[in-house]
Amino acid sequence: DLYHCQIVEGDLIRNLEAQFPHLGHVQIAGVPERHEPD
């Protein structure tokens, strides 16, 4: 969940790349209010 990852540690593209071999599902939301992704 990119929303959770941004709040905890950021660096989303690098975290996504590192986690990619282990991905089973992805989720999105705007940060910080958890509204629309835009």
PDB file of all heavy atoms in Angstrom:
ATOM      1  N   ASP A   1       0.857  -1.178   0.000  1.00  0.00           N
ATOM      2  CA  ASP A   1       0.000   0.000   0.000  1.00  0.00           C
ATOM      3  C   ASP A   1       0.897   1.232   0.000  1.00  0.00           C
ATOM      4  O   ASP A   1       1.595   1.515   0.975  1.00  0.00           O
ATOM      5  CB  ASP A   1      -0.907  -0.018   1.224  1.00  0.00           C
ATOM      6  CG  ASP A   1      -2.002   1.037   1.154  1.00  0.00           C
ATOM      7  OD1 ASP A   1      -1.679   2.188   0.789  1.00  0.00           O
ATOM      8  OD2 ASP A   1      -3.160   0.725   1.474  1.00  0.00           O
ATOM      9  N   LEU A   2       0.878   1.971  -1.109  1.00  0.00           N
ATOM     10  CA  LEU A   2       1.762   3.123  -1.258  1.00  0.00           C
ATOM     11  C   LEU A   2       1.433   4.224  -0.264  1.00  0.00           C
ATOM     12  O   LEU A   2       2.317   4.994   0.148  1.00  0.00           O
ATOM     13  CB  LEU A   2       1.688   3.637  -2.698  1.00  0.00           C
ATOM     14  CG  LEU A   2       2.389   2.713  -3.705  1.00  0.00           C
ATOM     15  CD1 LEU A   2       1.751   2.806  -5.074  1.00  0.00           C
ATOM     16  CD2 LEU A   2       3.866   3.042  -3.792  1.00  0.00           C
ATOM     17  N   TYR A   3       0.189   4.318   0.146  1.00  0.00           N
ATOM     18  CA  TYR A   3      -0.210   5.279   1.179  1.00  0.00           C
ATOM     19  C   TYR A   3       0.509   4.987   2.485  1.00  0.00           C
ATOM     20  O   TYR A   3       1.135   5.868   3.092  1.00  0.00           O
ATOM     21  CB  TYR A   3      -1.728   5.226   1.345  1.00  0.00           C
ATOM     22  CG  TYR A   3      -2.257   5.876   2.599  1.00  0.00           C
ATOM     23  CD1 TYR A   3      -2.443   7.256   2.674  1.00  0.00           C
ATOM     24  CD2 TYR A   3      -2.595   5.097   3.704  1.00  0.00           C
ATOM     25  CE1 TYR A   3      -2.949   7.843   3.823  1.00  0.00           C
ATOM     26  CE2 TYR A   3      -3.100   5.679   4.859  1.00  0.00           C
ATOM     27  CZ  TYR A   3      -3.271   7.044   4.923  1.00  0.00           C
ATOM     28  OH  TYR A   3      -3.764   7.635   6.068  1.00  0.00           O
ATOM     29  N   HIS A   4       0.443   3.756   2.945  1.00  0.00           N
ATOM     30  CA  HIS A   4       1.122   3.395   4.192  1.00  0.00           C
ATOM     31  C   HIS A   4       2.633   3.565   4.072  1.00  0.00           C
ATOM     32  O   HIS A   4       3.293   4.061   4.997  1.00  0.00           O
ATOM     33  CB  HIS A   4       0.790   1.949   4.571  1.00  0.00           C
ATOM     34  CG  HIS A   4      -0.631   1.739   4.971  1.00  0.00           C
ATOM     35  ND1 HIS A   4      -1.245   2.453   5.959  1.00  0.00           N
ATOM     36  CD2 HIS A   4      -1.569   0.874   4.490  1.00  0.00           C
ATOM     37  CE1 HIS A   4      -2.501   2.047   6.099  1.00  0.00           C
ATOM     38  NE2 HIS A   4      -2.710   1.092   5.210  1.00  0.00           N
ATOM     39  N   CYS A   5       3.181   3.164   2.944  1.00  0.00           N
ATOM     40  CA  CYS A   5       4.634   3.244   2.763  1.00  0.00           C
ATOM     41  C   CYS A   5       5.108   4.695   2.788  1.00  0.00           C
ATOM     42  O   CYS A   5       6.154   5.003   3.373  1.00  0.00           O
ATOM     43  CB  CYS A   5       5.033   2.575   1.454  1.00  0.00           C
ATOM     44  SG  CYS A   5       6.824   2.468   1.192  1.00  0.00           S
ATOM     45  N   GLN A   6       4.366   5.604   2.177  1.00  0.00           N
ATOM     46  CA  GLN A   6       4.758   7.007   2.185  1.00  0.00           C
ATOM     47  C   GLN A   6       4.798   7.553   3.608  1.00  0.00           C
ATOM     48  O   GLN A   6       5.718   8.295   3.982  1.00  0.00           O
ATOM     49  CB  GLN A   6       3.802   7.817   1.321  1.00  0.00           C
ATOM     50  CG  GLN A   6       3.975   9.330   1.415  1.00  0.00           C
ATOM     51  CD  GLN A   6       5.282   9.832   0.828  1.00  0.00           C
ATOM     52  OE1 GLN A   6       6.071   9.057   0.290  1.00  0.00           O
ATOM     53  NE2 GLN A   6       5.513  11.125   0.946  1.00  0.00           N
ATOM     54  N   ILE A   7       3.828   7.208   4.417  1.00  0.00           N
ATOM     55  CA  ILE A   7       3.762   7.711   5.783  1.00  0.00           C
ATOM     56  C   ILE A   7       4.898   7.151   6.636  1.00  0.00           C
ATOM     57  O   ILE A   7       5.520   7.867   7.426  1.00  0.00           O
ATOM     58  CB  ILE A   7       2.396   7.381   6.409  1.00  0.00           C
ATOM     59  CG1 ILE A   7       1.301   8.201   5.708  1.00  0.00           C
ATOM     60  CG2 ILE A   7       2.379   7.649   7.909  1.00  0.00           C
ATOM     61  CD1 ILE A   7      -0.106   7.817   6.078  1.00  0.00           C
ATOM     62  N   VAL A   8       5.231   5.884   6.449  1.00  0.00           N
ATOM     63  CA  VAL A   8       6.239   5.242   7.297  1.00  0.00           C
ATOM     64  C   VAL A   8       7.650   5.548   6.841  1.00  0.00           C
ATOM     65  O   VAL A   8       8.525   5.862   7.660  1.00  0.00           O
ATOM     66  CB  VAL A   8       6.012   3.715   7.331  1.00  0.00           C
ATOM     67  CG1 VAL A   8       7.127   3.022   8.120  1.00  0.00           C
ATOM     68  CG2 VAL A   8       4.665   3.394   7.945  1.00  0.00           C
ATOM     69  N   GLU A   9       7.899   5.479   5.525  1.00  0.00           N
ATOM     70  CA  GLU A   9       9.290   5.560   5.085  1.00  0.00           C
ATOM     71  C   GLU A   9       9.539   6.334   3.805  1.00  0.00           C
ATOM     72  O   GLU A   9      10.697   6.668   3.501  1.00  0.00           O
ATOM     73  CB  GLU A   9       9.877   4.151   4.956  1.00  0.00           C
ATOM     74  CG  GLU A   9       9.045   3.168   4.147  1.00  0.00           C
ATOM     75  CD  GLU A   9       9.454   1.718   4.415  1.00  0.00           C
ATOM     76  OE1 GLU A   9      10.639   1.381   4.244  1.00  0.00           O
ATOM     77  OE2 GLU A   9       8.565   0.926   4.817  1.00  0.00           O
ATOM     78  N   GLY A  10       8.516   6.651   3.023  1.00  0.00           N
ATOM     79  CA  GLY A  10       8.734   7.421   1.808  1.00  0.00           C
ATOM     80  C   GLY A  10       9.565   6.673   0.780  1.00  0.00           C
ATOM     81  O   GLY A  10       9.566   5.453   0.728  1.00  0.00           O
ATOM     82  N   ASP A  11      10.297   7.449  -0.066  1.00  0.00           N
ATOM     83  CA  ASP A  11      11.170   6.879  -1.099  1.00  0.00           C
ATOM     84  C   ASP A  11      10.413   5.805  -1.877  1.00  0.00           C
ATOM     85  O   ASP A  11      10.870   4.673  -2.052  1.00  0.00           O
ATOM     86  CB  ASP A  11      12.435   6.298  -0.456  1.00  0.00           C
ATOM     87  CG  ASP A  11      13.587   6.149  -1.444  1.00  0.00           C
ATOM     88  OD1 ASP A  11      13.485   6.707  -2.561  1.00  0.00           O
ATOM     89  OD2 ASP A  11      14.571   5.476  -1.112  1.00  0.00           O
ATOM     90  N   LEU A  12       9.247   6.172  -2.401  1.00  0.00           N
ATOM     91  CA  LEU A  12       8.288   5.190  -2.886  1.00  0.00           C
ATOM     92  C   LEU A  12       8.776   4.396  -4.088  1.00  0.00           C
ATOM     93  O   LEU A  12       8.584   3.175  -4.143  1.00  0.00           O
ATOM     94  CB  LEU A  12       6.962   5.885  -3.218  1.00  0.00           C
ATOM     95  CG  LEU A  12       6.198   6.419  -2.007  1.00  0.00           C
ATOM     96  CD1 LEU A  12       4.930   7.131  -2.459  1.00  0.00           C
ATOM     97  CD2 LEU A  12       5.859   5.297  -1.036  1.00  0.00           C
ATOM     98  N   ILE A  13       9.393   5.040  -5.052  1.00  0.00           N
ATOM     99  CA  ILE A  13       9.822   4.295  -6.237  1.00  0.00           C
ATOM    100  C   ILE A  13      10.899   3.290  -5.873  1.00  0.00           C
ATOM    101  O   ILE A  13      10.859   2.135  -6.319  1.00  0.00           O
ATOM    102  CB  ILE A  13      10.272   5.255  -7.353  1.00  0.00           C
ATOM    103  CG1 ILE A  13       9.036   5.893  -8.005  1.00  0.00           C
ATOM    104  CG2 ILE A  13      11.098   4.515  -8.416  1.00  0.00           C
ATOM    105  CD1 ILE A  13       9.325   6.825  -9.159  1.00  0.00           C
ATOM    106  N   ARG A  14      11.855   3.675  -5.058  1.00  0.00           N
ATOM    107  CA  ARG A  14      12.904   2.728  -4.664  1.00  0.00           C
ATOM    108  C   ARG A  14      12.328   1.599  -3.808  1.00  0.00           C
ATOM    109  O   ARG A  14      12.717   0.432  -3.957  1.00  0.00           O
ATOM    110  CB  ARG A  14      14.023   3.461  -3.918  1.00  0.00           C
ATOM    111  CG  ARG A  14      14.812   4.412  -4.804  1.00  0.00           C
ATOM    112  CD  ARG A  14      15.627   3.661  -5.862  1.00  0.00           C
ATOM    113  NE  ARG A  14      16.313   4.563  -6.770  1.00  0.00           N
ATOM    114  CZ  ARG A  14      15.893   4.872  -7.995  1.00  0.00           C
ATOM    115  NH1 ARG A  14      14.786   4.340  -8.467  1.00  0.00           N
ATOM    116  NH2 ARG A  14      16.589   5.711  -8.744  1.00  0.00           N
ATOM    117  N   ASN A  15      11.410   1.915  -2.919  1.00  0.00           N
ATOM    118  CA  ASN A  15      10.771   0.866  -2.132  1.00  0.00           C
ATOM    119  C   ASN A  15       9.954  -0.064  -3.025  1.00  0.00           C
ATOM    120  O   ASN A  15       9.939  -1.286  -2.819  1.00  0.00           O
ATOM    121  CB  ASN A  15       9.881   1.479  -1.052  1.00  0.00           C
ATOM    122  CG  ASN A  15      10.603   1.666   0.265  1.00  0.00           C
ATOM    123  OD1 ASN A  15      11.071   0.701   0.859  1.00  0.00           O
ATOM    124  ND2 ASN A  15      10.702   2.902   0.717  1.00  0.00           N
ATOM    125  N   LEU A  16       9.288   0.505  -4.007  1.00  0.00           N
ATOM    126  CA  LEU A  16       8.508  -0.307  -4.940  1.00  0.00           C
ATOM    127  C   LEU A  16       9.413  -1.238  -5.737  1.00  0.00           C
ATOM    128  O   LEU A  16       9.102  -2.428  -5.919  1.00  0.00           O
ATOM    129  CB  LEU A  16       7.723   0.605  -5.870  1.00  0.00           C
ATOM    130  CG  LEU A  16       6.703  -0.033  -6.811  1.00  0.00           C
ATOM    131  CD1 LEU A  16       5.622  -0.750  -6.027  1.00  0.00           C
ATOM    132  CD2 LEU A  16       6.100   1.039  -7.715  1.00  0.00           C
ATOM    133  N   GLU A  17      10.531  -0.733  -6.187  1.00  0.00           N
ATOM    134  CA  GLU A  17      11.466  -1.556  -6.951  1.00  0.00           C
ATOM    135  C   GLU A  17      12.026  -2.687  -6.101  1.00  0.00           C
ATOM    136  O   GLU A  17      12.159  -3.833  -6.557  1.00  0.00           O
ATOM    137  CB  GLU A  17      12.595  -0.684  -7.490  1.00  0.00           C
ATOM    138  CG  GLU A  17      12.153   0.272  -8.588  1.00  0.00           C
ATOM    139  CD  GLU A  17      13.213   1.304  -8.942  1.00  0.00           C
ATOM    140  OE1 GLU A  17      14.153   1.513  -8.138  1.00  0.00           O
ATOM    141  OE2 GLU A  17      13.104   1.907 -10.026  1.00  0.00           O
ATOM    142  N   ALA A  18      12.374  -2.370  -4.841  1.00  0.00           N
ATOM    143  CA  ALA A  18      12.917  -3.402  -3.956  1.00  0.00           C
ATOM    144  C   ALA A  18      11.878  -4.474  -3.640  1.00  0.00           C
ATOM    145  O   ALA A  18      12.212  -5.663  -3.508  1.00  0.00           O
ATOM    146  CB  ALA A  18      13.421  -2.764  -2.663  1.00  0.00           C
ATOM    147  N   GLN A  19      10.617  -4.079  -3.540  1.00  0.00           N
ATOM    148  CA  GLN A  19       9.564  -5.016  -3.163  1.00  0.00           C
ATOM    149  C   GLN A  19       8.967  -5.743  -4.355  1.00  0.00           C
ATOM    150  O   GLN A  19       8.276  -6.752  -4.194  1.00  0.00           O
ATOM    151  CB  GLN A  19       8.458  -4.242  -2.432  1.00  0.00           C
ATOM    152  CG  GLN A  19       7.570  -5.073  -1.527  1.00  0.00           C
ATOM    153  CD  GLN A  19       8.298  -5.600  -0.320  1.00  0.00           C
ATOM    154  OE1 GLN A  19       9.177  -6.468  -0.458  1.00  0.00           O
ATOM    155  NE2 GLN A  19       7.974  -5.090   0.849  1.00  0.00           N
ATOM    156  N   PHE A  20       9.281  -5.282  -5.558  1.00  0.00           N
ATOM    157  CA  PHE A  20       8.587  -5.796  -6.732  1.00  0.00           C
ATOM    158  C   PHE A  20       8.626  -7.322  -6.859  1.00  0.00           C
ATOM    159  O   PHE A  20       7.607  -7.942  -7.182  1.00  0.00           O
ATOM    160  CB  PHE A  20       9.119  -5.151  -8.013  1.00  0.00           C
ATOM    161  CG  PHE A  20       8.369  -5.594  -9.237  1.00  0.00           C
ATOM    162  CD1 PHE A  20       7.098  -5.112  -9.496  1.00  0.00           C
ATOM    163  CD2 PHE A  20       8.911  -6.530 -10.104  1.00  0.00           C
ATOM    164  CE1 PHE A  20       6.376  -5.549 -10.601  1.00  0.00           C
ATOM    165  CE2 PHE A  20       8.204  -6.966 -11.206  1.00  0.00           C
ATOM    166  CZ  PHE A  20       6.925  -6.473 -11.460  1.00  0.00           C
ATOM    167  N   PRO A  21       9.765  -7.981  -6.623  1.00  0.00           N
ATOM    168  CA  PRO A  21       9.761  -9.450  -6.768  1.00  0.00           C
ATOM    169  C   PRO A  21       8.819 -10.159  -5.799  1.00  0.00           C
ATOM    170  O   PRO A  21       8.514 -11.345  -5.986  1.00  0.00           O
ATOM    171  CB  PRO A  21      11.218  -9.828  -6.476  1.00  0.00           C
ATOM    172  CG  PRO A  21      11.999  -8.592  -6.722  1.00  0.00           C
ATOM    173  CD  PRO A  21      11.109  -7.473  -6.305  1.00  0.00           C
ATOM    174  N   HIS A  22       8.348  -9.439  -4.790  1.00  0.00           N
ATOM    175  CA  HIS A  22       7.523 -10.049  -3.753  1.00  0.00           C
ATOM    176  C   HIS A  22       6.084  -9.551  -3.777  1.00  0.00           C
ATOM    177  O   HIS A  22       5.296  -9.912  -2.904  1.00  0.00           O
ATOM    178  CB  HIS A  22       8.126  -9.744  -2.380  1.00  0.00           C
ATOM    179  CG  HIS A  22       9.600  -9.969  -2.304  1.00  0.00           C
ATOM    180  ND1 HIS A  22      10.161 -11.232  -2.272  1.00  0.00           N
ATOM    181  CD2 HIS A  22      10.644  -9.090  -2.282  1.00  0.00           C
ATOM    182  CE1 HIS A  22      11.490 -11.114  -2.235  1.00  0.00           C
ATOM    183  NE2 HIS A  22      11.797  -9.840  -2.241  1.00  0.00           N
ATOM    184  N   LEU A  23       5.734  -8.738  -4.773  1.00  0.00           N
ATOM    185  CA  LEU A  23       4.409  -8.122  -4.800  1.00  0.00           C
ATOM    186  C   LEU A  23       3.304  -9.129  -5.084  1.00  0.00           C
ATOM    187  O   LEU A  23       3.403  -9.937  -5.998  1.00  0.00           O
ATOM    188  CB  LEU A  23       4.340  -7.030  -5.869  1.00  0.00           C
ATOM    189  CG  LEU A  23       5.005  -5.686  -5.595  1.00  0.00           C
ATOM    190  CD1 LEU A  23       4.637  -4.709  -6.702  1.00  0.00           C
ATOM    191  CD2 LEU A  23       4.636  -5.131  -4.245  1.00  0.00           C
ATOM    192  N   GLY A  24       2.229  -9.021  -4.306  1.00  0.00           N
ATOM    193  CA  GLY A  24       1.031  -9.779  -4.600  1.00  0.00           C
ATOM    194  C   GLY A  24      -0.161  -8.896  -4.895  1.00  0.00           C
ATOM    195  O   GLY A  24      -1.131  -9.347  -5.501  1.00  0.00           O
ATOM    196  N   HIS A  25      -0.072  -7.636  -4.454  1.00  0.00           N
ATOM    197  CA  HIS A  25      -1.175  -6.699  -4.647  1.00  0.00           C
ATOM    198  C   HIS A  25      -0.659  -5.305  -4.322  1.00  0.00           C
ATOM    199  O   HIS A  25       0.279  -5.152  -3.528  1.00  0.00           O
ATOM    200  CB  HIS A  25      -2.353  -7.055  -3.735  1.00  0.00           C
ATOM    201  CG  HIS A  25      -3.623  -6.305  -4.017  1.00  0.00           C
ATOM    202  ND1 HIS A  25      -4.283  -6.390  -5.215  1.00  0.00           N
ATOM    203  CD2 HIS A  25      -4.356  -5.448  -3.249  1.00  0.00           C
ATOM    204  CE1 HIS A  25      -5.380  -5.633  -5.173  1.00  0.00           C
ATOM    205  NE2 HIS A  25      -5.430  -5.040  -3.997  1.00  0.00           N
ATOM    206  N   VAL A  26      -1.278  -4.288  -4.923  1.00  0.00           N
ATOM    207  CA  VAL A  26      -0.894  -2.895  -4.699  1.00  0.00           C
ATOM    208  C   VAL A  26      -2.154  -2.097  -4.378  1.00  0.00           C
ATOM    209  O   VAL A  26      -3.229  -2.363  -4.942  1.00  0.00           O
ATOM    210  CB  VAL A  26      -0.196  -2.304  -5.946  1.00  0.00           C
ATOM    211  CG1 VAL A  26       0.087  -0.816  -5.771  1.00  0.00           C
ATOM    212  CG2 VAL A  26       1.104  -3.057  -6.232  1.00  0.00           C
ATOM    213  N   GLN A  27      -2.009  -1.134  -3.462  1.00  0.00           N
ATOM    214  CA  GLN A  27      -3.112  -0.239  -3.137  1.00  0.00           C
ATOM    215  C   GLN A  27      -2.622   1.207  -3.118  1.00  0.00           C
ATOM    216  O   GLN A  27      -1.438   1.466  -2.878  1.00  0.00           O
ATOM    217  CB  GLN A  27      -3.729  -0.604  -1.780  1.00  0.00           C
ATOM    218  CG  GLN A  27      -4.452  -1.949  -1.799  1.00  0.00           C
ATOM    219  CD  GLN A  27      -4.927  -2.379  -0.430  1.00  0.00           C
ATOM    220  OE1 GLN A  27      -4.250  -2.182   0.566  1.00  0.00           O
ATOM    221  NE2 GLN A  27      -6.102  -3.001  -0.388  1.00  0.00           N
ATOM    222  N   ILE A  28      -3.557   2.138  -3.354  1.00  0.00           N
ATOM    223  CA  ILE A  28      -3.197   3.545  -3.450  1.00  0.00           C
ATOM    224  C   ILE A  28      -4.217   4.416  -2.727  1.00  0.00           C
ATOM    225  O   ILE A  28      -5.386   4.039  -2.567  1.00  0.00           O
ATOM    226  CB  ILE A  28      -3.074   4.011  -4.919  1.00  0.00           C
ATOM    227  CG1 ILE A  28      -4.386   3.797  -5.678  1.00  0.00           C
ATOM    228  CG2 ILE A  28      -1.936   3.280  -5.618  1.00  0.00           C
ATOM    229  CD1 ILE A  28      -4.368   4.336  -7.107  1.00  0.00           C
ATOM    230  N   ALA A  29      -3.744   5.583  -2.293  1.00  0.00           N
ATOM    231  CA  ALA A  29      -4.585   6.628  -1.721  1.00  0.00           C
ATOM    232  C   ALA A  29      -3.738   7.878  -1.596  1.00  0.00           C
ATOM    233  O   ALA A  29      -2.510   7.810  -1.480  1.00  0.00           O
ATOM    234  CB  ALA A  29      -5.134   6.225  -0.352  1.00  0.00           C
ATOM    235  N   GLY A  30      -4.396   9.038  -1.597  1.00  0.00           N
ATOM    236  CA  GLY A  30      -3.685  10.283  -1.396  1.00  0.00           C
ATOM    237  C   GLY A  30      -3.143  10.401   0.019  1.00  0.00           C
ATOM    238  O   GLY A  30      -3.704   9.855   0.970  1.00  0.00           O
ATOM    239  N   VAL A  31      -2.036  11.106   0.154  1.00  0.00           N
ATOM    240  CA  VAL A  31      -1.386  11.324   1.451  1.00  0.00           C
ATOM    241  C   VAL A  31      -1.336  12.830   1.687  1.00  0.00           C
ATOM    242  O   VAL A  31      -0.953  13.576   0.781  1.00  0.00           O
ATOM    243  CB  VAL A  31       0.042  10.734   1.446  1.00  0.00           C
ATOM    244  CG1 VAL A  31       0.712  10.922   2.808  1.00  0.00           C
ATOM    245  CG2 VAL A  31       0.040   9.255   1.053  1.00  0.00           C
ATOM    246  N   PRO A  32      -1.711  13.326   2.888  1.00  0.00           N
ATOM    247  CA  PRO A  32      -1.918  12.567   4.122  1.00  0.00           C
ATOM    248  C   PRO A  32      -3.369  12.223   4.457  1.00  0.00           C
ATOM    249  O   PRO A  32      -3.608  11.497   5.438  1.00  0.00           O
ATOM    250  CB  PRO A  32      -1.366  13.521   5.179  1.00  0.00           C
ATOM    251  CG  PRO A  32      -1.739  14.872   4.670  1.00  0.00           C
ATOM    252  CD  PRO A  32      -1.604  14.779   3.164  1.00  0.00           C
ATOM    253  N   GLU A  33      -4.351  12.738   3.732  1.00  0.00           N
ATOM    254  CA  GLU A  33      -5.744  12.627   4.176  1.00  0.00           C
ATOM    255  C   GLU A  33      -6.442  11.347   3.734  1.00  0.00           C
ATOM    256  O   GLU A  33      -7.586  11.111   4.087  1.00  0.00           O
ATOM    257  CB  GLU A  33      -6.548  13.837   3.684  1.00  0.00           C
ATOM    258  CG  GLU A  33      -6.002  15.180   4.158  1.00  0.00           C
ATOM    259  CD  GLU A  33      -6.020  15.328   5.667  1.00  0.00           C
ATOM    260  OE1 GLU A  33      -6.812  14.626   6.332  1.00  0.00           O
ATOM    261  OE2 GLU A  33      -5.231  16.147   6.180  1.00  0.00           O
ATOM    262  N   ARG A  34      -5.789  10.547   2.936  1.00  0.00           N
ATOM    263  CA  ARG A  34      -6.349   9.298   2.397  1.00  0.00           C
ATOM    264  C   ARG A  34      -7.576   9.548   1.523  1.00  0.00           C
ATOM    265  O   ARG A  34      -8.521   8.754   1.513  1.00  0.00           O
ATOM    266  CB  ARG A  34      -6.662   8.290   3.503  1.00  0.00           C
ATOM    267  CG  ARG A  34      -6.609   6.843   2.999  1.00  0.00           C
ATOM    268  CD  ARG A  34      -6.664   5.825   4.103  1.00  0.00           C
ATOM    269  NE  ARG A  34      -6.334   4.503   3.599  1.00  0.00           N
ATOM    270  CZ  ARG A  34      -6.215   3.429   4.358  1.00  0.00           C
ATOM    271  NH1 ARG A  34      -6.414   3.494   5.656  1.00  0.00           N
ATOM    272  NH2 ARG A  34      -5.906   2.261   3.816  1.00  0.00           N
ATOM    273  N   HIS A  35      -7.515  10.655   0.772  1.00  0.00           N
ATOM    274  CA  HIS A  35      -8.549  10.938  -0.210  1.00  0.00           C
ATOM    275  C   HIS A  35      -8.079  10.446  -1.587  1.00  0.00           C
ATOM    276  O   HIS A  35      -7.206   9.576  -1.683  1.00  0.00           O
ATOM    277  CB  HIS A  35      -8.855  12.442  -0.232  1.00  0.00           C
ATOM    278  CG  HIS A  35      -9.536  12.931   1.010  1.00  0.00           C
ATOM    279  ND1 HIS A  35     -10.499  12.209   1.681  1.00  0.00           N
ATOM    280  CD2 HIS A  35      -9.388  14.096   1.705  1.00  0.00           C
ATOM    281  CE1 HIS A  35     -10.926  12.890   2.715  1.00  0.00           C
ATOM    282  NE2 HIS A  35     -10.271  14.040   2.765  1.00  0.00           N
ATOM    283  N   GLU A  36      -8.648  11.005  -2.655  1.00  0.00           N
ATOM    284  CA  GLU A  36      -8.311  10.589  -4.014  1.00  0.00           C
ATOM    285  C   GLU A  36      -6.807  10.670  -4.265  1.00  0.00           C
ATOM    286  O   GLU A  36      -6.113  11.534  -3.690  1.00  0.00           O
ATOM    287  CB  GLU A  36      -9.041  11.486  -5.018  1.00  0.00           C
ATOM    288  CG  GLU A  36     -10.503  11.136  -5.207  1.00  0.00           C
ATOM    289  CD  GLU A  36     -11.436  11.677  -4.135  1.00  0.00           C
ATOM    290  OE1 GLU A  36     -10.947  12.249  -3.132  1.00  0.00           O
ATOM    291  OE2 GLU A  36     -12.654  11.514  -4.272  1.00  0.00           O
ATOM    292  N   PRO A  37      -6.281   9.787  -5.104  1.00  0.00           N
ATOM    293  CA  PRO A  37      -4.833   9.760  -5.352  1.00  0.00           C
ATOM    294  C   PRO A  37      -4.273  11.026  -5.997  1.00  0.00           C
ATOM    295  O   PRO A  37      -3.048  11.216  -5.968  1.00  0.00           O
ATOM    296  CB  PRO A  37      -4.656   8.544  -6.276  1.00  0.00           C
ATOM    297  CG  PRO A  37      -5.822   7.670  -5.975  1.00  0.00           C
ATOM    298  CD  PRO A  37      -6.951   8.620  -5.703  1.00  0.00           C
ATOM    299  N   ASP A  38      -5.117  11.859  -6.585  1.00  0.00           N
ATOM    300  CA  ASP A  38      -4.604  13.108  -7.152  1.00  0.00           C
ATOM    301  C   ASP A  38      -4.616  14.253  -6.142  1.00  0.00           C
ATOM    302  O   ASP A  38      -4.345  15.403  -6.490  1.00  0.00           O
ATOM    303  CB  ASP A  38      -5.378  13.507  -8.410  1.00  0.00           C
ATOM    304  CG  ASP A  38      -6.864  13.725  -8.160  1.00  0.00           C
ATOM    305  OD1 ASP A  38      -7.378  13.299  -7.099  1.00  0.00           O
ATOM    306  OD2 ASP A  38      -7.525  14.310  -9.037  1.00  0.00           O
TER     307      ASP A  38
END
